[in-house]
Amino acid sequence: MKDRLVALLKERSVRFGTFTLKSGKTSDLYVDARTTTFHPEGAVLIANLILDRIHPDVVAVGGPATGAIPMAGAISALSHIRGRPVDGFMVRKEPKGHGTKQWLEGLHGLPAGAKVCVVEDTVTTGGSLIKAIGHIEDAGYQVVQCICVVDRREGGVERFAAAGHTLEALVGREDLVG
């Protein structure tokens, strides 16, 4: 499955050139993993690979909008088919401006302290994902696992370690440029 995911990412998501990333860094590699996470085969591959790794105590999986949204949906749906249901959720970029004004959507009904897995499509430095983890922990949930589809190998793992978390990647930069 990993080999097929790499092939699909190369076909749909990877571009070479000179790009300015969200972090402000310049890179010769651009990965728009959403073109793979929203693809039918890509969504199934990613969901399978993440469910194969997911910690047994995890009851929900999600992460920052927009990257984690298709992943959380696919993982949650496939988890039901596999007979080990895992809820999906998302972390907003800003709190909802009306109603309950919350950062998180989809975790209603889960008890405080529930263990969750945070996912993201592409990680460069990890800043967006670490910010999302802060909102999840502030809401009373325990982040026990962090998984991304692509780790660009530009400091994310180290930043996660400094924040007390471990980042797992399905695919690394080396898989995409070779």
Protein backbone atom coordinates (compact mmCIF):
# COMPACT_ATOMS: atom_id res chain seq x y z
CA MET A 1 0.00 0.00 0.00
CA LYS A 2 2.83 2.42 0.78
CA ASP A 3 4.37 1.93 -2.67
CA ARG A 4 1.03 2.66 -4.34
CA LEU A 5 0.54 5.74 -2.14
CA VAL A 6 3.99 7.03 -3.13
CA ALA A 7 3.14 6.49 -6.82
CA LEU A 8 -0.17 8.30 -6.43
CA LEU A 9 1.45 11.21 -4.57
CA LYS A 10 4.10 11.52 -7.31
CA GLU A 11 1.40 11.47 -9.98
CA ARG A 12 -1.09 13.84 -8.34
CA SER A 13 0.55 15.90 -5.60
CA VAL A 14 4.28 16.47 -6.13
CA ARG A 15 5.72 19.37 -8.11
CA PHE A 16 9.34 20.42 -8.58
CA GLY A 17 10.53 24.01 -9.07
CA THR A 18 10.96 26.96 -6.71
CA PHE A 19 8.16 27.45 -4.20
CA THR A 20 7.57 29.62 -1.13
CA LEU A 21 5.92 27.51 1.55
CA LYS A 22 3.47 28.54 4.28
CA SER A 23 6.41 28.53 6.71
CA GLY A 24 8.08 31.19 4.54
CA LYS A 25 10.85 28.81 3.51
CA THR A 26 11.78 28.35 -0.13
CA SER A 27 11.80 24.78 -1.42
CA ASP A 28 12.43 22.87 -4.63
CA LEU A 29 9.59 20.49 -3.70
CA TYR A 30 5.89 21.29 -3.41
CA VAL A 31 3.42 18.70 -2.15
CA ASP A 32 -0.30 19.39 -2.44
CA ALA A 33 -1.37 16.19 -0.72
CA ARG A 34 -5.05 17.19 -0.82
CA THR A 35 -5.15 16.10 -4.45
CA THR A 36 -4.35 12.63 -3.12
CA THR A 37 -6.33 12.70 0.16
CA PHE A 38 -9.49 13.66 -1.77
CA HIS A 39 -8.84 11.01 -4.47
CA PRO A 40 -10.91 7.80 -3.98
CA GLU A 41 -7.93 5.46 -4.06
CA GLY A 42 -5.71 7.88 -2.14
CA ALA A 43 -8.28 8.26 0.64
CA VAL A 44 -8.60 4.48 1.04
CA LEU A 45 -4.84 3.90 0.99
CA ILE A 46 -4.21 6.61 3.58
CA ALA A 47 -7.06 5.45 5.81
CA ASN A 48 -5.80 1.85 5.71
CA LEU A 49 -2.20 2.80 6.42
CA ILE A 50 -3.18 5.03 9.34
CA LEU A 51 -5.62 2.52 10.83
CA ASP A 52 -2.87 -0.12 10.66
CA ARG A 53 -0.72 2.16 12.88
CA ILE A 54 -3.31 3.65 15.18
CA HIS A 55 -2.86 3.19 18.93
CA PRO A 56 -5.45 0.78 20.40
CA ASP A 57 -6.69 3.37 22.92
CA VAL A 58 -7.44 6.04 20.29
CA VAL A 59 -11.15 6.85 20.04
CA ALA A 60 -11.00 9.75 17.57
CA VAL A 61 -8.81 10.97 14.74
CA GLY A 62 -8.58 14.44 13.24
CA GLY A 63 -6.57 17.57 12.86
CA PRO A 64 -6.41 21.03 11.37
CA ALA A 65 -8.75 22.26 8.68
CA THR A 66 -8.37 21.77 5.79
CA GLY A 67 -5.67 19.14 5.45
CA ALA A 68 -7.05 16.67 7.97
CA ILE A 69 -10.72 16.85 6.97
CA PRO A 70 -10.75 14.30 4.11
CA MET A 71 -8.39 12.05 6.05
CA ALA A 72 -10.51 12.06 9.21
CA GLY A 73 -13.63 11.26 7.21
CA ALA A 74 -12.02 8.38 5.33
CA ILE A 75 -10.37 6.95 8.46
CA SER A 76 -13.60 7.14 10.45
CA ALA A 77 -15.65 5.49 7.69
CA LEU A 78 -13.12 2.70 7.16
CA SER A 79 -12.81 2.15 10.92
CA HIS A 80 -16.52 1.34 11.02
CA ILE A 81 -16.15 -1.17 8.17
CA ARG A 82 -13.21 -2.77 10.00
CA GLY A 83 -15.30 -3.10 13.17
CA ARG A 84 -13.16 -0.76 15.28
CA PRO A 85 -15.02 2.55 15.11
CA VAL A 86 -13.00 5.75 15.53
CA ASP A 87 -14.72 9.15 15.45
CA GLY A 88 -13.48 11.90 13.15
CA PHE A 89 -12.98 15.55 14.08
CA MET A 90 -11.43 18.80 12.89
CA VAL A 91 -9.74 21.80 14.44
CA ARG A 92 -10.84 25.14 12.98
CA LYS A 93 -8.34 27.77 11.89
CA GLU A 94 -10.30 30.23 14.04
CA PRO A 95 -13.01 29.58 16.61
CA LYS A 96 -16.52 29.47 15.24
CA GLY A 97 -17.87 33.05 15.26
CA HIS A 98 -21.39 32.11 16.32
CA GLY A 99 -23.28 29.46 18.27
CA THR A 100 -20.91 27.61 20.59
CA LYS A 101 -17.82 29.48 19.31
CA GLN A 102 -15.65 26.38 19.52
CA TRP A 103 -12.34 25.44 17.94
CA LEU A 104 -13.18 21.73 17.59
CA GLU A 105 -15.91 20.00 15.60
CA GLY A 106 -16.82 16.33 15.90
CA LEU A 107 -15.72 15.55 19.47
CA HIS A 108 -19.10 16.19 21.09
CA GLY A 109 -19.90 13.43 23.53
CA LEU A 110 -16.35 12.18 24.04
CA PRO A 111 -15.33 12.27 27.70
CA ALA A 112 -12.57 14.55 28.96
CA GLY A 113 -9.24 12.79 28.72
CA ALA A 114 -10.27 10.73 25.68
CA LYS A 115 -7.24 9.65 23.64
CA VAL A 116 -7.01 10.99 20.10
CA CYS A 117 -4.71 10.71 17.10
CA VAL A 118 -3.89 13.92 15.24
CA VAL A 119 -3.39 13.70 11.47
CA GLU A 120 -2.19 16.07 8.78
CA ASP A 121 -1.58 15.77 5.05
CA THR A 122 1.84 17.44 4.78
CA VAL A 123 4.27 18.58 7.49
CA THR A 124 7.14 20.99 6.91
CA THR A 125 7.97 22.53 10.28
CA GLY A 126 4.88 21.23 12.07
CA GLY A 127 3.66 24.62 13.25
CA SER A 128 0.02 24.25 12.18
CA LEU A 129 -0.29 20.79 13.65
CA ILE A 130 1.31 21.76 16.97
CA LYS A 131 -1.06 24.74 17.21
CA ALA A 132 -4.00 22.37 16.60
CA ILE A 133 -2.69 20.00 19.29
CA GLY A 134 -2.75 22.91 21.74
CA HIS A 135 -6.45 23.51 21.05
CA ILE A 136 -7.21 19.80 21.41
CA GLU A 137 -5.38 19.57 24.73
CA ASP A 138 -6.98 22.82 25.96
CA ALA A 139 -10.37 21.18 25.31
CA GLY A 140 -9.40 18.32 27.65
CA TYR A 141 -8.42 15.58 25.23
CA GLN A 142 -5.18 13.59 25.26
CA VAL A 143 -3.14 13.53 22.04
CA VAL A 144 -1.37 10.16 22.08
CA GLN A 145 -0.36 9.89 18.43
CA CYS A 146 0.50 12.21 15.52
CA ILE A 147 0.60 10.90 11.94
CA CYS A 148 1.12 12.76 8.67
CA VAL A 149 0.93 11.53 5.10
CA VAL A 150 4.10 13.37 3.97
CA ASP A 151 6.95 14.62 6.15
CA ARG A 152 9.00 17.04 4.05
CA ARG A 153 11.95 16.46 6.48
CA GLU A 154 12.36 20.17 7.21
CA GLY A 155 12.25 20.22 11.02
CA GLY A 156 8.81 18.84 11.87
CA VAL A 157 10.05 15.76 13.74
CA GLU A 158 12.40 17.86 15.87
CA ARG A 159 9.73 20.46 16.62
CA PHE A 160 7.32 17.74 17.67
CA ALA A 161 9.94 16.20 19.95
CA ALA A 162 10.54 19.59 21.57
CA ALA A 163 6.78 19.83 22.18
CA GLY A 164 6.69 16.37 23.77
CA HIS A 165 5.16 14.48 20.83
CA THR A 166 6.35 12.00 18.23
CA LEU A 167 5.54 12.55 14.56
CA GLU A 168 5.05 9.45 12.40
CA ALA A 169 5.00 9.79 8.60
CA LEU A 170 3.57 7.44 6.00
CA VAL A 171 5.92 8.93 3.40
CA GLY A 172 9.09 11.04 3.63
CA ARG A 173 10.70 13.47 1.23
CA GLU A 174 13.18 10.74 0.26
CA ASP A 175 10.30 8.60 -1.05
CA LEU A 176 9.11 11.37 -3.36
CA VAL A 177 12.35 12.71 -4.85
CA GLY A 178 14.06 9.38 -5.56
